[in-house]
Structure formats: C-alpha cells, structure tokens
Amino acid sequence: MESTRNKLINLLANNRENYISGQGLSEELNISRSAIWKHMKKLEEDGYQIEGISNKGYRIISFPDKLSENTILWGLKTNWLGKKIIHKDSVSSTQVIAHQAAQENAEHGTIIIADEQTSGRGRMNREWHSANGKGIWLSMILRPAISPYLAPQLTLLTATVLADVVNSCTTLKPLIKWPNDILINNKKTAGILTEMQAEQDQIQYIVIGFGINVNQKRDELPEDLKRKATSLKIETKNNWPIKELIQEILQTFENTYDDYIAHGFPEIKSKWESYGFKTGKNITIKTLREQYEASFSGIADDGALLVKTKDNTVKKLYSGEIDWFQEGD
C-alpha cells in the first residue's frame, strides 16, 4: 500500500509546473493541512527543495541526490520488496541491523541500506571496504517458505540479479565467481553474504546482504585492493545514479524471487551458469587432504561447485581453497 508521503511526492512531481494548494493536497490525501505542512518539512530534511507561497500552494523545485527511505521509495515499482526501508547514514554493517530488525519481527521484504559501513564484511568474515556514498551497501530480510537446505540457492539467485542489472545498465560483461562474487574484467565489483536463522525444518528468516562498488575512482580504493577490485565508474568512466541502481536491483530481485518461488531453481541455475566465471576451464582445488586441477563444470541444484577431474570423474565441492587463476590468465 502506497504511503501518504509517497502519494504526496507523486502529486507534487506530476504537477511540477503548477502550485497545488494546501487545501487541495489535504482533500486529495485525506489528512489535515497541518499534517501536509509536517510532511513538507520532512521532505525538505530529505533534500527535496519545495516552494510554498501563500494563496498559491506548494511545488517541488528539485529532487535530492542523497539516499533516504523516501527517495528510494519514490519511483520504486515493487509489490512487496522494499516497502519498509531502514536507511542509516553510517553503520558497522547492514547485516547487523538486519538481524536485529528480523528478530524484532520486521516484515518479509524489509530493506536496510547505509551510506557507509565502518565494518562491512563478506564471507568468512573478510572485510568489505564500504566508502561513504560511493556504493550500494544493502541487506534484505526474507522469510521464504522453503526448506533450510535450499537457502544457498538464494545466494546464487542474488548473484544472477546483480549480474543481470550490470549487464542491462552497462555495456560491461559481468561474470559470477562461485559462489558470490561479481567480477568485471577479472576484478571484484560486488559480493554477497547470506545468513540464516532456522530450525531443522523451517526458516525463521534469511538476511541477504550485498555490496557493490559504484562510483569509486581508482585512487579511492585501498592500496591492497587496487589490483583485485574495481567499480562501475572505473570500468565505464561514468558516474552512476545510486538510487536508480538500487531501485532496478530491487525490482529485478522481486521478479526473479517470485519466479523462483513459483517454478523452482532450474532457470536460476541455467542463468548462473551462463555468467559463470571459468566455466569449462581449469582451476586448482586445495583441500585438507589433496591438491589437484580440474575443469569447472557448473553448479549443482544445492549450490555446490561441480568439477570434472582428469579421469572424467565429476565431484561436488562445498568448501575448499580454490585458485581460479592459472598461469597466463
């Protein structure tokens, strides 16, 4: 259901050349003129420039560049994802806030987004550099009616969504490095972290977090990341509108997720493999017991890595150290 403030923004945005009286807005939204005034002040706090003239009314002069619950909601074309948004200027990690909200019964589809993370993290507690205003640092709370053992499929689903959005919005060719990294020109642009609270046969909630490097310049990346990380700006030489990218990701995710719930994993698996980094090429696998080369064959239905050894044996891997880059790559 559309919020009152979102309806107000739409009314003003659709009549930018004309003033709308406070009385007219009051009647249209079925709230008092005092409430209209309070909403206008909140919009100004979000960065909207609003002109109010006695005996004429209100009109929007300009829209904000900064992120907020309201700016993300305005123009977001989803049915359930992102209808509740928690925006923070700076947090240790959006995953932490998401877990807290989920444990306090936050609804399915709640989004937590921050301008900056001071302790962003990826898989295996690896640090994720999350610069202020330069990227997308976002976590989603989901309450899917699927068995816990299927949860890894949602990581793979999210990877295809991010790859699809990059592919559709740019001329870049993203690839997915198993299980959760989005690469452009062999450098990491985005990463995904999926965490779950579940009982043996029932998921209580899943938190899917992702970080995307968007508008960092090369010299803004930490020195130890310059050789292995990149951003959309570095690769395209253009600045990218973060709010619009967020909306595109949420809309694509909702459509993909709904299709997954209705039809299962096969289409996701096929799409993931179409983006798969090093599919059909040799990689080196290191386990506690052995080290060997094998050809990367794709993914299994449960999200495991499939490799074919030199004697044509197909193995499923759930863990292990993988060297994706061979000499000459």
C-alpha atoms as a PDB file:
ATOM      1  CA  MET A   1       0.000   0.000   0.000  1.00  0.00           C
ATOM      2  CA  GLU A   2       1.447   3.362  -1.031  1.00  0.00           C
ATOM      3  CA  SER A   3       2.445   5.619   1.871  1.00  0.00           C
ATOM      4  CA  THR A   4       0.935   9.074   2.353  1.00  0.00           C
ATOM      5  CA  ARG A   5       4.323  10.695   1.831  1.00  0.00           C
ATOM      6  CA  ASN A   6       4.926   8.784  -1.374  1.00  0.00           C
ATOM      7  CA  LYS A   7       1.499   9.856  -2.645  1.00  0.00           C
ATOM      8  CA  LEU A   8       2.387  13.447  -1.745  1.00  0.00           C
ATOM      9  CA  ILE A   9       5.679  13.237  -3.668  1.00  0.00           C
ATOM     10  CA  ASN A  10       3.865  11.806  -6.683  1.00  0.00           C
ATOM     11  CA  LEU A  11       1.257  14.578  -6.624  1.00  0.00           C
ATOM     12  CA  LEU A  12       3.942  17.263  -6.487  1.00  0.00           C
ATOM     13  CA  ALA A  13       6.168  15.557  -9.048  1.00  0.00           C
ATOM     14  CA  ASN A  14       3.322  15.197 -11.546  1.00  0.00           C
ATOM     15  CA  ASN A  15       2.482  18.899 -11.250  1.00  0.00           C
ATOM     16  CA  ARG A  16       5.944  20.467 -11.212  1.00  0.00           C
ATOM     17  CA  GLU A  17       4.908  23.474 -13.321  1.00  0.00           C
ATOM     18  CA  ASN A  18       1.940  24.339 -11.116  1.00  0.00           C
ATOM     19  CA  TYR A  19       1.295  25.043  -7.478  1.00  0.00           C
ATOM     20  CA  ILE A  20      -1.048  22.758  -5.548  1.00  0.00           C
ATOM     21  CA  SER A  21      -2.902  24.376  -2.676  1.00  0.00           C
ATOM     22  CA  GLY A  22      -2.604  23.034   0.833  1.00  0.00           C
ATOM     23  CA  GLN A  23      -6.362  22.552   0.840  1.00  0.00           C
ATOM     24  CA  GLY A  24      -6.208  20.608  -2.408  1.00  0.00           C
ATOM     25  CA  LEU A  25      -3.489  18.335  -1.042  1.00  0.00           C
ATOM     26  CA  SER A  26      -5.425  17.922   2.187  1.00  0.00           C
ATOM     27  CA  GLU A  27      -8.537  16.778   0.321  1.00  0.00           C
ATOM     28  CA  GLU A  28      -6.588  14.536  -2.059  1.00  0.00           C
ATOM     29  CA  LEU A  29      -4.702  12.759   0.745  1.00  0.00           C
ATOM     30  CA  ASN A  30      -7.474  12.930   3.357  1.00  0.00           C
ATOM     31  CA  ILE A  31      -5.227  14.464   6.012  1.00  0.00           C
ATOM     32  CA  SER A  32      -5.178  17.880   7.715  1.00  0.00           C
ATOM     33  CA  ARG A  33      -3.348  20.917   6.349  1.00  0.00           C
ATOM     34  CA  SER A  34      -1.170  20.800   9.470  1.00  0.00           C
ATOM     35  CA  ALA A  35      -0.172  17.234   8.535  1.00  0.00           C
ATOM     36  CA  ILE A  36       0.610  18.415   4.999  1.00  0.00           C
ATOM     37  CA  TRP A  37       2.964  21.055   6.426  1.00  0.00           C
ATOM     38  CA  LYS A  38       4.716  18.450   8.609  1.00  0.00           C
ATOM     39  CA  HIS A  39       5.198  16.166   5.599  1.00  0.00           C
ATOM     40  CA  MET A  40       6.691  19.078   3.640  1.00  0.00           C
ATOM     41  CA  LYS A  41       9.222  19.705   6.415  1.00  0.00           C
ATOM     42  CA  LYS A  42      10.216  16.028   6.408  1.00  0.00           C
ATOM     43  CA  LEU A  43      10.682  16.116   2.645  1.00  0.00           C
ATOM     44  CA  GLU A  44      12.913  19.182   2.989  1.00  0.00           C
ATOM     45  CA  GLU A  45      15.002  17.281   5.547  1.00  0.00           C
ATOM     46  CA  ASP A  46      15.452  14.558   2.899  1.00  0.00           C
ATOM     47  CA  GLY A  47      16.778  17.133   0.442  1.00  0.00           C
ATOM     48  CA  TYR A  48      13.675  17.987  -1.590  1.00  0.00           C
ATOM     49  CA  GLN A  49      13.502  21.694  -2.427  1.00  0.00           C
ATOM     50  CA  ILE A  50       9.885  22.741  -2.012  1.00  0.00           C
ATOM     51  CA  GLU A  51       8.481  26.192  -2.642  1.00  0.00           C
ATOM     52  CA  GLY A  52       5.450  27.243  -0.619  1.00  0.00           C
ATOM     53  CA  ILE A  53       3.638  30.516  -1.390  1.00  0.00           C
ATOM     54  CA  SER A  54       0.587  31.858   0.414  1.00  0.00           C
ATOM     55  CA  ASN A  55      -2.621  31.721  -1.628  1.00  0.00           C
ATOM     56  CA  LYS A  56      -0.849  29.579  -4.251  1.00  0.00           C
ATOM     57  CA  GLY A  57       0.298  26.423  -2.537  1.00  0.00           C
ATOM     58  CA  TYR A  58       3.311  24.126  -2.932  1.00  0.00           C
ATOM     59  CA  ARG A  59       5.507  22.850  -5.737  1.00  0.00           C
ATOM     60  CA  ILE A  60       8.760  20.863  -5.962  1.00  0.00           C
ATOM     61  CA  ILE A  61      11.761  22.820  -7.239  1.00  0.00           C
ATOM     62  CA  SER A  62      14.303  19.989  -7.201  1.00  0.00           C
ATOM     63  CA  PHE A  63      14.771  16.415  -6.069  1.00  0.00           C
ATOM     64  CA  PRO A  64      17.517  15.240  -3.675  1.00  0.00           C
ATOM     65  CA  ASP A  65      20.624  13.323  -4.659  1.00  0.00           C
ATOM     66  CA  LYS A  66      21.069  11.716  -1.263  1.00  0.00           C
ATOM     67  CA  LEU A  67      19.516   8.436  -0.201  1.00  0.00           C
ATOM     68  CA  SER A  68      16.681   8.177   2.283  1.00  0.00           C
ATOM     69  CA  GLU A  69      13.655   5.987   2.861  1.00  0.00           C
ATOM     70  CA  ASN A  70      11.526   8.442   0.883  1.00  0.00           C
ATOM     71  CA  THR A  71      13.846   8.968  -2.085  1.00  0.00           C
ATOM     72  CA  ILE A  72      14.234   5.223  -2.581  1.00  0.00           C
ATOM     73  CA  LEU A  73      10.503   4.572  -2.251  1.00  0.00           C
ATOM     74  CA  TRP A  74       9.549   7.260  -4.751  1.00  0.00           C
ATOM     75  CA  GLY A  75       9.533   5.549  -8.136  1.00  0.00           C
ATOM     76  CA  LEU A  76      10.145   2.048  -6.715  1.00  0.00           C
ATOM     77  CA  LYS A  77       7.961  -0.343  -8.716  1.00  0.00           C
ATOM     78  CA  THR A  78       7.768  -3.377  -6.424  1.00  0.00           C
ATOM     79  CA  ASN A  79       4.851  -5.124  -4.779  1.00  0.00           C
ATOM     80  CA  TRP A  80       6.479  -6.266  -1.530  1.00  0.00           C
ATOM     81  CA  LEU A  81      10.251  -5.764  -1.588  1.00  0.00           C
ATOM     82  CA  GLY A  82      11.421  -2.509  -0.039  1.00  0.00           C
ATOM     83  CA  LYS A  83       8.019  -1.347   1.150  1.00  0.00           C
ATOM     84  CA  LYS A  84       9.721  -0.986   4.532  1.00  0.00           C
ATOM     85  CA  ILE A  85      13.149   0.648   4.317  1.00  0.00           C
ATOM     86  CA  ILE A  86      15.576   1.382   7.138  1.00  0.00           C
ATOM     87  CA  HIS A  87      18.186   3.908   5.995  1.00  0.00           C
ATOM     88  CA  LYS A  88      21.260   4.819   8.040  1.00  0.00           C
ATOM     89  CA  ASP A  89      23.984   7.341   7.313  1.00  0.00           C
ATOM     90  CA  SER A  90      26.668   5.099   8.837  1.00  0.00           C
ATOM     91  CA  VAL A  91      26.543   1.647  10.434  1.00  0.00           C
ATOM     92  CA  SER A  92      29.048  -1.023  11.362  1.00  0.00           C
ATOM     93  CA  SER A  93      27.260  -3.407   8.985  1.00  0.00           C
ATOM     94  CA  THR A  94      23.809  -3.520   7.411  1.00  0.00           C
ATOM     95  CA  GLN A  95      23.798  -7.256   8.244  1.00  0.00           C
ATOM     96  CA  VAL A  96      23.901  -6.457  11.972  1.00  0.00           C
ATOM     97  CA  ILE A  97      20.971  -4.040  11.702  1.00  0.00           C
ATOM     98  CA  ALA A  98      19.046  -6.546   9.561  1.00  0.00           C
ATOM     99  CA  HIS A  99      19.441  -9.347  12.112  1.00  0.00           C
ATOM    100  CA  GLN A 100      18.246  -7.046  14.883  1.00  0.00           C
ATOM    101  CA  ALA A 101      15.225  -5.971  12.827  1.00  0.00           C
ATOM    102  CA  ALA A 102      14.405  -9.556  11.824  1.00  0.00           C
ATOM    103  CA  GLN A 103      14.481 -10.680  15.445  1.00  0.00           C
ATOM    104  CA  GLU A 104      12.043  -7.864  16.211  1.00  0.00           C
ATOM    105  CA  ASN A 105       9.634  -9.287  13.592  1.00  0.00           C
ATOM    106  CA  ALA A 106      10.491  -6.994  10.668  1.00  0.00           C
ATOM    107  CA  GLU A 107       8.326  -7.951   7.725  1.00  0.00           C
ATOM    108  CA  HIS A 108       9.370 -10.005   4.713  1.00  0.00           C
ATOM    109  CA  GLY A 109      10.997  -7.699   2.179  1.00  0.00           C
ATOM    110  CA  THR A 110      12.374  -5.159   4.654  1.00  0.00           C
ATOM    111  CA  ILE A 111      15.479  -3.376   3.329  1.00  0.00           C
ATOM    112  CA  ILE A 112      18.376  -1.986   5.364  1.00  0.00           C
ATOM    113  CA  ILE A 113      20.656   0.384   3.486  1.00  0.00           C
ATOM    114  CA  ALA A 114      23.530   2.609   4.586  1.00  0.00           C
ATOM    115  CA  ASP A 115      25.604   5.363   3.024  1.00  0.00           C
ATOM    116  CA  GLU A 116      28.645   3.880   4.740  1.00  0.00           C
ATOM    117  CA  GLN A 117      29.681   0.737   6.601  1.00  0.00           C
ATOM    118  CA  THR A 118      32.531   1.003   9.074  1.00  0.00           C
ATOM    119  CA  SER A 119      32.908  -2.766   9.495  1.00  0.00           C
ATOM    120  CA  GLY A 120      31.425  -4.227   6.323  1.00  0.00           C
ATOM    121  CA  ARG A 121      32.088  -7.927   5.915  1.00  0.00           C
ATOM    122  CA  GLY A 122      31.802 -10.685   3.368  1.00  0.00           C
ATOM    123  CA  ARG A 123      32.050 -14.468   3.532  1.00  0.00           C
ATOM    124  CA  MET A 124      34.370 -15.969   6.158  1.00  0.00           C
ATOM    125  CA  ASN A 125      34.360 -12.574   7.952  1.00  0.00           C
ATOM    126  CA  ARG A 126      36.504 -10.966   5.265  1.00  0.00           C
ATOM    127  CA  GLU A 127      36.474  -7.169   5.459  1.00  0.00           C
ATOM    128  CA  TRP A 128      34.486  -5.282   2.809  1.00  0.00           C
ATOM    129  CA  HIS A 129      35.560  -1.686   2.179  1.00  0.00           C
ATOM    130  CA  SER A 130      32.340   0.373   2.090  1.00  0.00           C
ATOM    131  CA  ALA A 131      33.109   4.000   1.246  1.00  0.00           C
ATOM    132  CA  ASN A 132      30.640   6.745   2.122  1.00  0.00           C
ATOM    133  CA  GLY A 133      28.272   7.494  -0.748  1.00  0.00           C
ATOM    134  CA  LYS A 134      30.347   5.563  -3.290  1.00  0.00           C
ATOM    135  CA  GLY A 135      28.483   2.283  -3.487  1.00  0.00           C
ATOM    136  CA  ILE A 136      25.440   0.238  -2.524  1.00  0.00           C
ATOM    137  CA  TRP A 137      25.584  -1.353   0.926  1.00  0.00           C
ATOM    138  CA  LEU A 138      22.290  -3.157   1.425  1.00  0.00           C
ATOM    139  CA  SER A 139      20.705  -6.086   3.284  1.00  0.00           C
ATOM    140  CA  MET A 140      17.300  -7.702   2.695  1.00  0.00           C
ATOM    141  CA  ILE A 141      15.183  -9.613   5.193  1.00  0.00           C
ATOM    142  CA  LEU A 142      13.364 -12.549   3.621  1.00  0.00           C
ATOM    143  CA  ARG A 143      11.023 -15.104   5.159  1.00  0.00           C
ATOM    144  CA  PRO A 144      10.717 -17.718   2.397  1.00  0.00           C
ATOM    145  CA  ALA A 145       8.546 -20.814   2.782  1.00  0.00           C
ATOM    146  CA  ILE A 146      11.336 -23.142   1.630  1.00  0.00           C
ATOM    147  CA  SER A 147      13.376 -25.800   3.403  1.00  0.00           C
ATOM    148  CA  PRO A 148      16.592 -24.593   5.081  1.00  0.00           C
ATOM    149  CA  TYR A 149      18.770 -26.777   2.863  1.00  0.00           C
ATOM    150  CA  LEU A 150      17.618 -24.741  -0.157  1.00  0.00           C
ATOM    151  CA  ALA A 151      18.837 -21.430   1.308  1.00  0.00           C
ATOM    152  CA  PRO A 152      22.155 -21.430  -0.653  1.00  0.00           C
ATOM    153  CA  GLN A 153      20.094 -21.192  -3.835  1.00  0.00           C
ATOM    154  CA  LEU A 154      19.137 -17.662  -2.787  1.00  0.00           C
ATOM    155  CA  THR A 155      22.792 -16.595  -2.816  1.00  0.00           C
ATOM    156  CA  LEU A 156      23.082 -17.853  -6.383  1.00  0.00           C
ATOM    157  CA  LEU A 157      19.781 -16.164  -7.289  1.00  0.00           C
ATOM    158  CA  THR A 158      21.050 -12.836  -5.900  1.00  0.00           C
ATOM    159  CA  ALA A 159      24.249 -13.160  -7.921  1.00  0.00           C
ATOM    160  CA  THR A 160      22.245 -13.547 -11.139  1.00  0.00           C
ATOM    161  CA  VAL A 161      20.184 -10.476 -10.249  1.00  0.00           C
ATOM    162  CA  LEU A 162      23.268  -8.296  -9.747  1.00  0.00           C
ATOM    163  CA  ALA A 163      24.823  -9.637 -12.942  1.00  0.00           C
ATOM    164  CA  ASP A 164      21.580  -9.017 -14.870  1.00  0.00           C
ATOM    165  CA  VAL A 165      21.377  -5.412 -13.658  1.00  0.00           C
ATOM    166  CA  VAL A 166      25.013  -4.649 -14.513  1.00  0.00           C
ATOM    167  CA  ASN A 167      24.528  -6.341 -17.868  1.00  0.00           C
ATOM    168  CA  SER A 168      21.361  -4.379 -18.680  1.00  0.00           C
ATOM    169  CA  CYS A 169      22.537  -0.973 -17.432  1.00  0.00           C
ATOM    170  CA  THR A 170      26.035  -1.000 -18.922  1.00  0.00           C
ATOM    171  CA  THR A 171      27.984  -2.435 -21.844  1.00  0.00           C
ATOM    172  CA  LEU A 172      30.072  -4.446 -19.366  1.00  0.00           C
ATOM    173  CA  LYS A 173      30.112  -8.244 -19.271  1.00  0.00           C
ATOM    174  CA  PRO A 174      29.881  -9.326 -15.636  1.00  0.00           C
ATOM    175  CA  LEU A 175      30.823 -12.826 -14.527  1.00  0.00           C
ATOM    176  CA  ILE A 176      29.973 -14.674 -11.315  1.00  0.00           C
ATOM    177  CA  LYS A 177      32.800 -16.320  -9.398  1.00  0.00           C
ATOM    178  CA  TRP A 178      31.399 -19.135  -7.286  1.00  0.00           C
ATOM    179  CA  PRO A 179      29.555 -18.658  -5.138  1.00  0.00           C
ATOM    180  CA  ASN A 180      29.063 -14.979  -4.530  1.00  0.00           C
ATOM    181  CA  ASP A 181      31.400 -12.541  -6.299  1.00  0.00           C
ATOM    182  CA  ILE A 182      30.567 -10.394  -9.329  1.00  0.00           C
ATOM    183  CA  LEU A 183      33.625  -9.783 -11.480  1.00  0.00           C
ATOM    184  CA  ILE A 184      34.247  -7.275 -14.236  1.00  0.00           C
ATOM    185  CA  ASN A 185      37.463  -7.725 -16.198  1.00  0.00           C
ATOM    186  CA  ASN A 186      38.536 -10.322 -13.619  1.00  0.00           C
ATOM    187  CA  LYS A 187      38.200  -7.831 -10.736  1.00  0.00           C
ATOM    188  CA  LYS A 188      35.653  -7.936  -7.929  1.00  0.00           C
ATOM    189  CA  THR A 189      32.859  -5.396  -8.209  1.00  0.00           C
ATOM    190  CA  ALA A 190      30.255  -6.874  -5.868  1.00  0.00           C
ATOM    191  CA  GLY A 191      29.957  -9.504  -3.172  1.00  0.00           C
ATOM    192  CA  ILE A 192      27.070 -11.264  -1.443  1.00  0.00           C
ATOM    193  CA  LEU A 193      26.666 -12.581   2.105  1.00  0.00           C
ATOM    194  CA  THR A 194      23.714 -14.802   3.050  1.00  0.00           C
ATOM    195  CA  GLU A 195      22.957 -15.614   6.695  1.00  0.00           C
ATOM    196  CA  MET A 196      20.057 -17.599   8.100  1.00  0.00           C
ATOM    197  CA  GLN A 197      18.190 -18.211  11.322  1.00  0.00           C
ATOM    198  CA  ALA A 198      16.360 -21.527  11.088  1.00  0.00           C
ATOM    199  CA  GLU A 199      15.117 -24.602  12.867  1.00  0.00           C
ATOM    200  CA  GLN A 200      15.652 -28.080  11.482  1.00  0.00           C
ATOM    201  CA  ASP A 201      12.789 -27.924   9.005  1.00  0.00           C
ATOM    202  CA  GLN A 202      11.764 -24.257   8.941  1.00  0.00           C
ATOM    203  CA  ILE A 203      13.442 -20.960   8.084  1.00  0.00           C
ATOM    204  CA  GLN A 204      12.702 -18.164  10.519  1.00  0.00           C
ATOM    205  CA  TYR A 205      14.392 -15.580   8.331  1.00  0.00           C
ATOM    206  CA  ILE A 206      17.215 -15.085   5.853  1.00  0.00           C
ATOM    207  CA  VAL A 207      19.339 -11.959   5.568  1.00  0.00           C
ATOM    208  CA  ILE A 208      20.958 -11.421   2.170  1.00  0.00           C
ATOM    209  CA  GLY A 209      23.473  -8.608   2.114  1.00  0.00           C
ATOM    210  CA  PHE A 210      25.449  -7.284  -0.804  1.00  0.00           C
ATOM    211  CA  GLY A 211      27.954  -4.557  -1.503  1.00  0.00           C
ATOM    212  CA  ILE A 212      28.537  -3.034  -4.927  1.00  0.00           C
ATOM    213  CA  ASN A 213      31.370  -0.685  -5.815  1.00  0.00           C
ATOM    214  CA  VAL A 214      29.701   2.005  -7.897  1.00  0.00           C
ATOM    215  CA  ASN A 215      31.395   5.404  -8.034  1.00  0.00           C
ATOM    216  CA  GLN A 216      34.854   4.857  -6.558  1.00  0.00           C
ATOM    217  CA  LYS A 217      37.807   6.195  -8.520  1.00  0.00           C
ATOM    218  CA  ARG A 218      40.909   4.016  -8.779  1.00  0.00           C
ATOM    219  CA  ASP A 219      42.837   6.145  -6.278  1.00  0.00           C
ATOM    220  CA  GLU A 220      39.946   5.900  -3.785  1.00  0.00           C
ATOM    221  CA  LEU A 221      40.325   2.146  -3.398  1.00  0.00           C
ATOM    222  CA  PRO A 222      42.543   0.891  -0.558  1.00  0.00           C
ATOM    223  CA  GLU A 223      46.059   0.123  -1.779  1.00  0.00           C
ATOM    224  CA  ASP A 224      45.711  -3.620  -1.135  1.00  0.00           C
ATOM    225  CA  LEU A 225      42.523  -3.780  -3.253  1.00  0.00           C
ATOM    226  CA  LYS A 226      43.588  -1.839  -6.348  1.00  0.00           C
ATOM    227  CA  ARG A 227      44.836  -4.957  -8.153  1.00  0.00           C
ATOM    228  CA  LYS A 228      41.812  -7.139  -7.385  1.00  0.00           C
ATOM    229  CA  ALA A 229      38.821  -4.777  -7.083  1.00  0.00           C
ATOM    230  CA  THR A 230      37.100  -2.300  -9.359  1.00  0.00           C
ATOM    231  CA  SER A 231      33.933  -0.205  -9.632  1.00  0.00           C
ATOM    232  CA  LEU A 232      31.358   0.635 -12.273  1.00  0.00           C
ATOM    233  CA  LYS A 233      32.858   4.127 -12.570  1.00  0.00           C
ATOM    234  CA  ILE A 234      36.383   2.796 -13.091  1.00  0.00           C
ATOM    235  CA  GLU A 235      35.191   0.418 -15.799  1.00  0.00           C
ATOM    236  CA  THR A 236      32.837   2.790 -17.626  1.00  0.00           C
ATOM    237  CA  LYS A 237      34.397   6.219 -16.884  1.00  0.00           C
ATOM    238  CA  ASN A 238      30.916   7.405 -15.852  1.00  0.00           C
ATOM    239  CA  ASN A 239      29.222   8.294 -12.584  1.00  0.00           C
ATOM    240  CA  TRP A 240      26.204   6.135 -11.846  1.00  0.00           C
ATOM    241  CA  PRO A 241      22.952   7.164 -10.077  1.00  0.00           C
ATOM    242  CA  ILE A 242      22.943   5.034  -6.941  1.00  0.00           C
ATOM    243  CA  LYS A 243      19.258   5.475  -6.134  1.00  0.00           C
ATOM    244  CA  GLU A 244      18.164   4.326  -9.592  1.00  0.00           C
ATOM    245  CA  LEU A 245      20.528   1.334  -9.430  1.00  0.00           C
ATOM    246  CA  ILE A 246      19.045   0.322  -6.077  1.00  0.00           C
ATOM    247  CA  GLN A 247      15.530   0.525  -7.487  1.00  0.00           C
ATOM    248  CA  GLU A 248      16.495  -1.523 -10.542  1.00  0.00           C
ATOM    249  CA  ILE A 249      18.101  -4.193  -8.339  1.00  0.00           C
ATOM    250  CA  LEU A 250      15.065  -4.403  -6.038  1.00  0.00           C
ATOM    251  CA  GLN A 251      12.628  -4.628  -8.947  1.00  0.00           C
ATOM    252  CA  THR A 252      14.716  -7.294 -10.685  1.00  0.00           C
ATOM    253  CA  PHE A 253      15.179  -9.230  -7.450  1.00  0.00           C
ATOM    254  CA  GLU A 254      11.448  -9.273  -6.688  1.00  0.00           C
ATOM    255  CA  ASN A 255      10.585 -10.560 -10.156  1.00  0.00           C
ATOM    256  CA  THR A 256      13.320 -13.214 -10.027  1.00  0.00           C
ATOM    257  CA  TYR A 257      12.451 -14.303  -6.496  1.00  0.00           C
ATOM    258  CA  ASP A 258       8.737 -14.606  -7.265  1.00  0.00           C
ATOM    259  CA  ASP A 259       9.547 -16.731 -10.308  1.00  0.00           C
ATOM    260  CA  TYR A 260      11.871 -18.900  -8.210  1.00  0.00           C
ATOM    261  CA  ILE A 261       9.199 -19.479  -5.557  1.00  0.00           C
ATOM    262  CA  ALA A 262       6.690 -20.402  -8.265  1.00  0.00           C
ATOM    263  CA  HIS A 263       8.909 -22.529 -10.509  1.00  0.00           C
ATOM    264  CA  GLY A 264      11.973 -23.602  -8.548  1.00  0.00           C
ATOM    265  CA  PHE A 265      15.695 -23.454  -9.238  1.00  0.00           C
ATOM    266  CA  PRO A 266      16.268 -24.727 -12.830  1.00  0.00           C
ATOM    267  CA  GLU A 267      16.073 -21.321 -14.550  1.00  0.00           C
ATOM    268  CA  ILE A 268      18.285 -19.713 -11.894  1.00  0.00           C
ATOM    269  CA  LYS A 269      20.841 -22.490 -12.290  1.00  0.00           C
ATOM    270  CA  SER A 270      20.908 -22.070 -16.058  1.00  0.00           C
ATOM    271  CA  LYS A 271      21.298 -18.302 -15.840  1.00  0.00           C
ATOM    272  CA  TRP A 272      24.001 -18.556 -13.171  1.00  0.00           C
ATOM    273  CA  GLU A 273      25.998 -20.911 -15.383  1.00  0.00           C
ATOM    274  CA  SER A 274      25.656 -18.504 -18.323  1.00  0.00           C
ATOM    275  CA  TYR A 275      27.509 -15.951 -16.184  1.00  0.00           C
ATOM    276  CA  GLY A 276      29.853 -18.496 -14.583  1.00  0.00           C
ATOM    277  CA  PHE A 277      33.469 -17.417 -14.296  1.00  0.00           C
ATOM    278  CA  LYS A 278      35.880 -20.016 -15.698  1.00  0.00           C
ATOM    279  CA  THR A 279      33.132 -22.426 -16.811  1.00  0.00           C
ATOM    280  CA  GLY A 280      34.844 -25.192 -18.794  1.00  0.00           C
ATOM    281  CA  LYS A 281      38.310 -24.033 -17.748  1.00  0.00           C
ATOM    282  CA  ASN A 282      40.831 -25.448 -15.310  1.00  0.00           C
ATOM    283  CA  ILE A 283      41.015 -24.366 -11.691  1.00  0.00           C
ATOM    284  CA  THR A 284      43.139 -25.621  -8.806  1.00  0.00           C
ATOM    285  CA  ILE A 285      41.397 -27.101  -5.758  1.00  0.00           C
ATOM    286  CA  LYS A 286      43.112 -27.417  -2.400  1.00  0.00           C
ATOM    287  CA  THR A 287      41.548 -29.454   0.421  1.00  0.00           C
ATOM    288  CA  LEU A 288      42.942 -30.702   3.709  1.00  0.00           C
ATOM    289  CA  ARG A 289      43.961 -33.948   2.009  1.00  0.00           C
ATOM    290  CA  GLU A 290      44.949 -33.068  -1.526  1.00  0.00           C
ATOM    291  CA  GLN A 291      45.573 -30.527  -4.262  1.00  0.00           C
ATOM    292  CA  TYR A 292      44.520 -31.115  -7.861  1.00  0.00           C
ATOM    293  CA  GLU A 293      43.485 -29.448 -11.093  1.00  0.00           C
ATOM    294  CA  ALA A 294      40.012 -29.920 -12.523  1.00  0.00           C
ATOM    295  CA  SER A 295      37.673 -28.345 -15.029  1.00  0.00           C
ATOM    296  CA  PHE A 296      34.898 -26.159 -13.608  1.00  0.00           C
ATOM    297  CA  SER A 297      31.649 -27.690 -14.884  1.00  0.00           C
ATOM    298  CA  GLY A 298      28.971 -25.517 -13.270  1.00  0.00           C
ATOM    299  CA  ILE A 299      26.819 -25.755 -10.152  1.00  0.00           C
ATOM    300  CA  ALA A 300      24.594 -28.430  -8.623  1.00  0.00           C
ATOM    301  CA  ASP A 301      20.981 -27.864  -7.606  1.00  0.00           C
ATOM    302  CA  ASP A 302      22.062 -27.363  -3.996  1.00  0.00           C
ATOM    303  CA  GLY A 303      24.601 -24.709  -4.997  1.00  0.00           C
ATOM    304  CA  ALA A 304      27.675 -26.905  -4.766  1.00  0.00           C
ATOM    305  CA  LEU A 305      30.573 -26.421  -7.179  1.00  0.00           C
ATOM    306  CA  LEU A 306      30.856 -29.117  -9.860  1.00  0.00           C
ATOM    307  CA  VAL A 307      34.279 -30.022 -11.236  1.00  0.00           C
ATOM    308  CA  LYS A 308      35.487 -32.704 -13.618  1.00  0.00           C
ATOM    309  CA  THR A 309      38.846 -34.275 -12.845  1.00  0.00           C
ATOM    310  CA  LYS A 310      41.358 -35.509 -15.422  1.00  0.00           C
ATOM    311  CA  ASP A 311      39.875 -39.011 -15.267  1.00  0.00           C
ATOM    312  CA  ASN A 312      36.400 -37.510 -16.051  1.00  0.00           C
ATOM    313  CA  THR A 313      35.101 -38.002 -12.506  1.00  0.00           C
ATOM    314  CA  VAL A 314      32.579 -35.315 -11.522  1.00  0.00           C
ATOM    315  CA  LYS A 315      32.944 -34.030  -7.962  1.00  0.00           C
ATOM    316  CA  LYS A 316      30.719 -31.789  -5.854  1.00  0.00           C
ATOM    317  CA  LEU A 317      32.548 -29.302  -3.654  1.00  0.00           C
ATOM    318  CA  TYR A 318      31.051 -27.358  -0.777  1.00  0.00           C
ATOM    319  CA  SER A 319      34.285 -25.926   0.588  1.00  0.00           C
ATOM    320  CA  GLY A 320      37.994 -25.810  -0.027  1.00  0.00           C
ATOM    321  CA  GLU A 321      40.520 -23.296  -1.246  1.00  0.00           C
ATOM    322  CA  ILE A 322      40.201 -22.608  -4.961  1.00  0.00           C
ATOM    323  CA  ASP A 323      42.802 -20.952  -7.155  1.00  0.00           C
ATOM    324  CA  TRP A 324      40.754 -19.555 -10.026  1.00  0.00           C
ATOM    325  CA  PHE A 325      43.642 -18.028 -11.922  1.00  0.00           C
ATOM    326  CA  GLN A 326      46.063 -20.223 -13.820  1.00  0.00           C
ATOM    327  CA  GLU A 327      49.412 -19.058 -15.166  1.00  0.00           C
ATOM    328  CA  GLY A 328      48.803 -16.866 -18.182  1.00  0.00           C
ATOM    329  CA  ASP A 329      45.327 -15.673 -17.091  1.00  0.00           C
END
